[in-house]
Amino acid sequence: MGQLISVDGVECVIRVGEDDMRLSALEFCCKFSKR
């Protein structure tokens, strides 16, 4: 399961999993942006 969103023309993929919780700088920012 994952959510693909576009931020400033940049594709940001937020992965949601039990074992795979790797968040990049952009993903981290996107996640915090959607409170």
Protein backbone atom coordinates (compact mmCIF):
# COMPACT_ATOMS: atom_id res chain seq x y z
CA MET A 1 0.00 0.00 0.00
CA GLY A 2 1.31 3.43 -0.90
CA GLN A 3 0.14 6.89 -1.73
CA LEU A 4 1.52 8.77 -4.74
CA ILE A 5 1.26 12.55 -4.54
CA SER A 6 2.83 15.30 -6.63
CA VAL A 7 4.54 18.18 -4.84
CA ASP A 8 5.91 21.02 -6.95
CA GLY A 9 6.19 18.66 -9.90
CA VAL A 10 8.07 16.14 -7.76
CA GLU A 11 6.60 12.68 -7.36
CA CYS A 12 6.40 11.79 -3.69
CA VAL A 13 5.63 8.20 -2.78
CA ILE A 14 4.56 7.54 0.79
CA ARG A 15 4.90 3.86 1.60
CA VAL A 16 2.72 2.46 4.34
CA GLY A 17 3.75 -0.93 5.68
CA GLU A 18 4.55 -2.82 8.85
CA ASP A 19 8.17 -3.57 8.02
CA ASP A 20 8.75 -1.03 5.27
CA MET A 21 8.57 2.34 7.03
CA ARG A 22 11.39 4.06 5.16
CA LEU A 23 10.63 7.75 4.87
CA SER A 24 12.79 10.02 2.75
CA ALA A 25 13.16 13.74 3.41
CA LEU A 26 10.41 14.54 0.90
CA GLU A 27 8.11 11.78 2.13
CA PHE A 28 8.64 12.92 5.72
CA CYS A 29 7.75 16.49 4.78
CA CYS A 30 4.70 15.40 2.81
CA LYS A 31 3.46 13.25 5.68
CA PHE A 32 3.78 16.10 8.16
CA SER A 33 2.11 18.46 5.70
CA LYS A 34 -1.06 16.33 5.75
CA ARG A 35 -1.96 16.48 9.43
